[in-house]
Structure formats: C-alpha cells, structure tokens
Amino acid sequence: MDAVDEKILSILTQDGRASFSSIGRAVGLSTNAVAARVRRLEKAGVILGYRAILADETPEPPGRAGIEAFIDVRLQADQDSDEFLAWARAQPMIRDAVHVTGPYDYLLHVCLPDTSELDRLLRRMKKTAGVSHTQTRLALRS
C-alpha cells in the first residue's frame, strides 16, 4: 500500500459512492488505474465492503450506547509502522492511534456499537493490517 492507496481509501471512507473517475482526478490517475487499485484493495481485505448508514444506525457517543475500548497493538516483525498507521486512520471506528514505547507498538482508542464489532475489528487487524498480538481494555466510565 502506498500514498496513492491511502488517498483513495481516505476518499472512499468519506464517500463510499465516489466514482472511479472523480477519485482519479483527485489522485492523478486514470479511471482504469483507480478501479484496478480499488479491486486490489478489496481482494487484499483492506476494503471489506460498502454500506449505507441510516440515521438511526449512527453510533451514539460512548457512555450512551456502544463500547469504548483501548487496544494495545504489537505489529508483526516485518510490518511497516507507517503502513499500519495509514490503515488505522482509514478505519472510522478508530478514534486515535498513538505510537508508544514498551512491548506494544500502538495504542488505539476505539468506539464501537458492540462486542461483535470489536471482535470483527480485532480479527481484521490480524488478518489484513500486520498485527501479531493485541490486548484490549474496555472503558467502564470516563
């Protein structure tokens, strides 16, 4: 994944219905080149899907509904730290990703609707983002 892929992901995160031609204009690529990159990102599991978020599905702030958690992340030895950070920034449920010292590489602050979504995020990090180990703490109150 390179800087152009990151820009494409940023655009799609903001507007999942953006056309390949409009993305191409924004990143300086042809429509076909953007389509090929998006297909590659989908095949690699970076893009898992697209969906409409309805007004009544919008997650409420932590404490009112859903869960807030902090995830310690250790990357695989060959995983590039900048690539992981770009991946994390493209995930809407990750509120903050901080590079830290100690036995873990990053501390993530996440807000999710429920534990099944947390489980999906943890599995996706290990499958597609080069994560070898996590430790999760749930916030009980702020």
C-alpha atoms as a PDB file:
ATOM      1  CA  MET A   1       0.000   0.000   0.000  1.00  0.00           C
ATOM      2  CA  ASP A   2       1.402   3.374  -0.978  1.00  0.00           C
ATOM      3  CA  ALA A   3       0.425   7.029  -0.535  1.00  0.00           C
ATOM      4  CA  VAL A   4      -1.963   6.888  -3.502  1.00  0.00           C
ATOM      5  CA  ASP A   5      -3.783   3.889  -1.998  1.00  0.00           C
ATOM      6  CA  GLU A   6      -4.039   5.794   1.294  1.00  0.00           C
ATOM      7  CA  LYS A   7      -5.552   8.788  -0.520  1.00  0.00           C
ATOM      8  CA  ILE A   8      -8.019   6.514  -2.327  1.00  0.00           C
ATOM      9  CA  LEU A   9      -9.025   4.930   0.998  1.00  0.00           C
ATOM     10  CA  SER A  10      -9.431   8.352   2.559  1.00  0.00           C
ATOM     11  CA  ILE A  11     -11.771   9.420  -0.258  1.00  0.00           C
ATOM     12  CA  LEU A  12     -13.791   6.196  -0.060  1.00  0.00           C
ATOM     13  CA  THR A  13     -14.039   6.493   3.733  1.00  0.00           C
ATOM     14  CA  GLN A  14     -15.613   9.918   3.305  1.00  0.00           C
ATOM     15  CA  ASP A  15     -17.759   8.934   0.317  1.00  0.00           C
ATOM     16  CA  GLY A  16     -18.150   5.232  -0.401  1.00  0.00           C
ATOM     17  CA  ARG A  17     -20.069   6.106  -3.569  1.00  0.00           C
ATOM     18  CA  ALA A  18     -17.306   8.240  -5.105  1.00  0.00           C
ATOM     19  CA  SER A  19     -16.813   7.339  -8.759  1.00  0.00           C
ATOM     20  CA  PHE A  20     -13.524   5.968 -10.010  1.00  0.00           C
ATOM     21  CA  SER A  21     -13.235   8.953 -12.345  1.00  0.00           C
ATOM     22  CA  SER A  22     -13.668  11.504  -9.519  1.00  0.00           C
ATOM     23  CA  ILE A  23     -11.169   9.601  -7.365  1.00  0.00           C
ATOM     24  CA  GLY A  24      -8.794   9.503 -10.343  1.00  0.00           C
ATOM     25  CA  ARG A  25      -8.988  13.286 -10.725  1.00  0.00           C
ATOM     26  CA  ALA A  26      -8.230  13.704  -7.003  1.00  0.00           C
ATOM     27  CA  VAL A  27      -5.217  11.385  -7.004  1.00  0.00           C
ATOM     28  CA  GLY A  28      -3.909  11.985 -10.527  1.00  0.00           C
ATOM     29  CA  LEU A  29      -4.685   8.555 -12.011  1.00  0.00           C
ATOM     30  CA  SER A  30      -6.883   7.286 -14.821  1.00  0.00           C
ATOM     31  CA  THR A  31     -10.290   5.795 -14.089  1.00  0.00           C
ATOM     32  CA  ASN A  32      -8.994   2.320 -15.004  1.00  0.00           C
ATOM     33  CA  ALA A  33      -5.945   2.666 -12.753  1.00  0.00           C
ATOM     34  CA  VAL A  34      -8.150   3.658  -9.796  1.00  0.00           C
ATOM     35  CA  ALA A  35     -10.535   0.772 -10.477  1.00  0.00           C
ATOM     36  CA  ALA A  36      -7.613  -1.673 -10.533  1.00  0.00           C
ATOM     37  CA  ARG A  37      -6.261  -0.312  -7.243  1.00  0.00           C
ATOM     38  CA  VAL A  38      -9.669  -0.492  -5.555  1.00  0.00           C
ATOM     39  CA  ARG A  39     -10.152  -4.078  -6.760  1.00  0.00           C
ATOM     40  CA  ARG A  40      -6.689  -4.953  -5.386  1.00  0.00           C
ATOM     41  CA  LEU A  41      -7.522  -3.346  -2.017  1.00  0.00           C
ATOM     42  CA  GLU A  42     -10.800  -5.280  -1.919  1.00  0.00           C
ATOM     43  CA  LYS A  43      -9.069  -8.552  -2.794  1.00  0.00           C
ATOM     44  CA  ALA A  44      -6.400  -7.945  -0.114  1.00  0.00           C
ATOM     45  CA  GLY A  45      -9.123  -7.444   2.504  1.00  0.00           C
ATOM     46  CA  VAL A  46      -8.306  -3.791   3.125  1.00  0.00           C
ATOM     47  CA  ILE A  47     -11.741  -2.774   1.822  1.00  0.00           C
ATOM     48  CA  LEU A  48     -14.307  -5.163   3.245  1.00  0.00           C
ATOM     49  CA  GLY A  49     -17.422  -3.631   1.740  1.00  0.00           C
ATOM     50  CA  TYR A  50     -19.645  -0.629   1.266  1.00  0.00           C
ATOM     51  CA  ARG A  51     -22.895   0.177   3.001  1.00  0.00           C
ATOM     52  CA  ALA A  52     -25.451   2.867   3.589  1.00  0.00           C
ATOM     53  CA  ILE A  53     -25.500   4.165   7.162  1.00  0.00           C
ATOM     54  CA  LEU A  54     -29.016   5.140   8.118  1.00  0.00           C
ATOM     55  CA  ALA A  55     -29.777   7.949  10.551  1.00  0.00           C
ATOM     56  CA  ASP A  56     -30.967   5.531  13.238  1.00  0.00           C
ATOM     57  CA  GLU A  57     -27.783   3.413  12.860  1.00  0.00           C
ATOM     58  CA  THR A  58     -25.373   6.240  13.629  1.00  0.00           C
ATOM     59  CA  PRO A  59     -23.410   5.200  16.730  1.00  0.00           C
ATOM     60  CA  GLU A  60     -24.063   7.334  19.770  1.00  0.00           C
ATOM     61  CA  PRO A  61     -21.153   8.741  21.735  1.00  0.00           C
ATOM     62  CA  PRO A  62     -19.512   6.303  24.174  1.00  0.00           C
ATOM     63  CA  GLY A  63     -21.256   6.114  27.508  1.00  0.00           C
ATOM     64  CA  ARG A  64     -24.716   6.467  25.952  1.00  0.00           C
ATOM     65  CA  ALA A  65     -24.594   3.423  23.686  1.00  0.00           C
ATOM     66  CA  GLY A  66     -21.917   1.085  22.430  1.00  0.00           C
ATOM     67  CA  ILE A  67     -18.485   0.475  23.866  1.00  0.00           C
ATOM     68  CA  GLU A  68     -15.272   2.400  24.163  1.00  0.00           C
ATOM     69  CA  ALA A  69     -12.026   0.425  24.279  1.00  0.00           C
ATOM     70  CA  PHE A  70      -8.271   0.804  24.250  1.00  0.00           C
ATOM     71  CA  ILE A  71      -6.295  -1.742  22.246  1.00  0.00           C
ATOM     72  CA  ASP A  72      -2.574  -2.328  22.650  1.00  0.00           C
ATOM     73  CA  VAL A  73      -1.195  -3.482  19.290  1.00  0.00           C
ATOM     74  CA  ARG A  74       2.032  -5.330  18.544  1.00  0.00           C
ATOM     75  CA  LEU A  75       2.920  -5.446  14.843  1.00  0.00           C
ATOM     76  CA  GLN A  76       4.459  -8.391  13.041  1.00  0.00           C
ATOM     77  CA  ALA A  77       8.229  -8.028  12.761  1.00  0.00           C
ATOM     78  CA  ASP A  78       8.074  -7.279   9.022  1.00  0.00           C
ATOM     79  CA  GLN A  79       5.113  -4.868   9.213  1.00  0.00           C
ATOM     80  CA  ASP A  80       5.873  -1.246   8.354  1.00  0.00           C
ATOM     81  CA  SER A  81       4.712   1.091  11.111  1.00  0.00           C
ATOM     82  CA  ASP A  82       3.651   3.840   8.697  1.00  0.00           C
ATOM     83  CA  GLU A  83       1.539   1.396   6.678  1.00  0.00           C
ATOM     84  CA  PHE A  84      -0.256   0.289   9.841  1.00  0.00           C
ATOM     85  CA  LEU A  85      -0.872   3.893  10.853  1.00  0.00           C
ATOM     86  CA  ALA A  86      -2.361   4.662   7.423  1.00  0.00           C
ATOM     87  CA  TRP A  87      -4.603   1.597   7.738  1.00  0.00           C
ATOM     88  CA  ALA A  88      -5.721   2.635  11.236  1.00  0.00           C
ATOM     89  CA  ARG A  89      -6.509   6.190  10.132  1.00  0.00           C
ATOM     90  CA  ALA A  90      -8.783   4.819   7.410  1.00  0.00           C
ATOM     91  CA  GLN A  91     -10.929   2.958   9.966  1.00  0.00           C
ATOM     92  CA  PRO A  92     -13.814   5.145  11.181  1.00  0.00           C
ATOM     93  CA  MET A  93     -14.164   3.317  14.500  1.00  0.00           C
ATOM     94  CA  ILE A  94     -10.546   4.064  15.454  1.00  0.00           C
ATOM     95  CA  ARG A  95     -10.636   7.480  17.112  1.00  0.00           C
ATOM     96  CA  ASP A  96      -6.899   7.706  17.771  1.00  0.00           C
ATOM     97  CA  ALA A  97      -3.759   5.673  17.088  1.00  0.00           C
ATOM     98  CA  VAL A  98      -0.695   6.525  19.162  1.00  0.00           C
ATOM     99  CA  HIS A  99       2.779   5.081  18.569  1.00  0.00           C
ATOM    100  CA  VAL A 100       4.091   4.096  22.016  1.00  0.00           C
ATOM    101  CA  THR A 101       7.136   2.690  23.755  1.00  0.00           C
ATOM    102  CA  GLY A 102       7.201  -0.649  25.570  1.00  0.00           C
ATOM    103  CA  PRO A 103       6.134  -4.124  24.500  1.00  0.00           C
ATOM    104  CA  TYR A 104       3.435  -2.812  22.147  1.00  0.00           C
ATOM    105  CA  ASP A 105       3.805  -0.598  19.084  1.00  0.00           C
ATOM    106  CA  TYR A 106       0.489   1.299  19.136  1.00  0.00           C
ATOM    107  CA  LEU A 107      -2.327   2.180  21.484  1.00  0.00           C
ATOM    108  CA  LEU A 108      -5.684   2.525  19.728  1.00  0.00           C
ATOM    109  CA  HIS A 109      -8.743   4.292  21.105  1.00  0.00           C
ATOM    110  CA  VAL A 110     -11.860   2.779  19.530  1.00  0.00           C
ATOM    111  CA  CYS A 111     -15.607   3.334  19.778  1.00  0.00           C
ATOM    112  CA  LEU A 112     -17.863   0.560  18.539  1.00  0.00           C
ATOM    113  CA  PRO A 113     -21.536  -0.316  18.794  1.00  0.00           C
ATOM    114  CA  ASP A 114     -20.985  -3.720  20.454  1.00  0.00           C
ATOM    115  CA  THR A 115     -18.532  -6.540  21.213  1.00  0.00           C
ATOM    116  CA  SER A 116     -19.240  -8.329  17.942  1.00  0.00           C
ATOM    117  CA  GLU A 117     -17.922  -5.261  16.081  1.00  0.00           C
ATOM    118  CA  LEU A 118     -14.883  -5.237  18.392  1.00  0.00           C
ATOM    119  CA  ASP A 119     -14.284  -8.888  17.551  1.00  0.00           C
ATOM    120  CA  ARG A 120     -14.533  -8.111  13.813  1.00  0.00           C
ATOM    121  CA  LEU A 121     -12.033  -5.254  14.174  1.00  0.00           C
ATOM    122  CA  LEU A 122      -9.538  -7.420  16.080  1.00  0.00           C
ATOM    123  CA  ARG A 123      -9.783 -10.215  13.511  1.00  0.00           C
ATOM    124  CA  ARG A 124      -9.404  -7.753  10.609  1.00  0.00           C
ATOM    125  CA  MET A 125      -6.320  -6.161  12.205  1.00  0.00           C
ATOM    126  CA  LYS A 126      -4.636  -9.560  12.486  1.00  0.00           C
ATOM    127  CA  LYS A 127      -5.689 -10.685   9.017  1.00  0.00           C
ATOM    128  CA  THR A 128      -5.040  -7.571   6.937  1.00  0.00           C
ATOM    129  CA  ALA A 129      -3.080  -4.984   8.936  1.00  0.00           C
ATOM    130  CA  GLY A 130       0.019  -6.913  10.001  1.00  0.00           C
ATOM    131  CA  VAL A 131      -0.883  -7.192  13.692  1.00  0.00           C
ATOM    132  CA  SER A 132       0.592 -10.108  15.633  1.00  0.00           C
ATOM    133  CA  HIS A 133      -0.819  -9.508  19.120  1.00  0.00           C
ATOM    134  CA  THR A 134      -3.423  -7.325  20.834  1.00  0.00           C
ATOM    135  CA  GLN A 135      -4.548  -6.606  24.363  1.00  0.00           C
ATOM    136  CA  THR A 136      -7.912  -4.907  24.812  1.00  0.00           C
ATOM    137  CA  ARG A 137      -9.245  -2.929  27.746  1.00  0.00           C
ATOM    138  CA  LEU A 138     -12.853  -1.759  27.888  1.00  0.00           C
ATOM    139  CA  ALA A 139     -13.647   1.657  29.351  1.00  0.00           C
ATOM    140  CA  LEU A 140     -16.104   1.383  32.222  1.00  0.00           C
ATOM    141  CA  ARG A 141     -16.632   5.127  32.647  1.00  0.00           C
ATOM    142  CA  SER A 142     -14.912   8.342  31.650  1.00  0.00           C
END
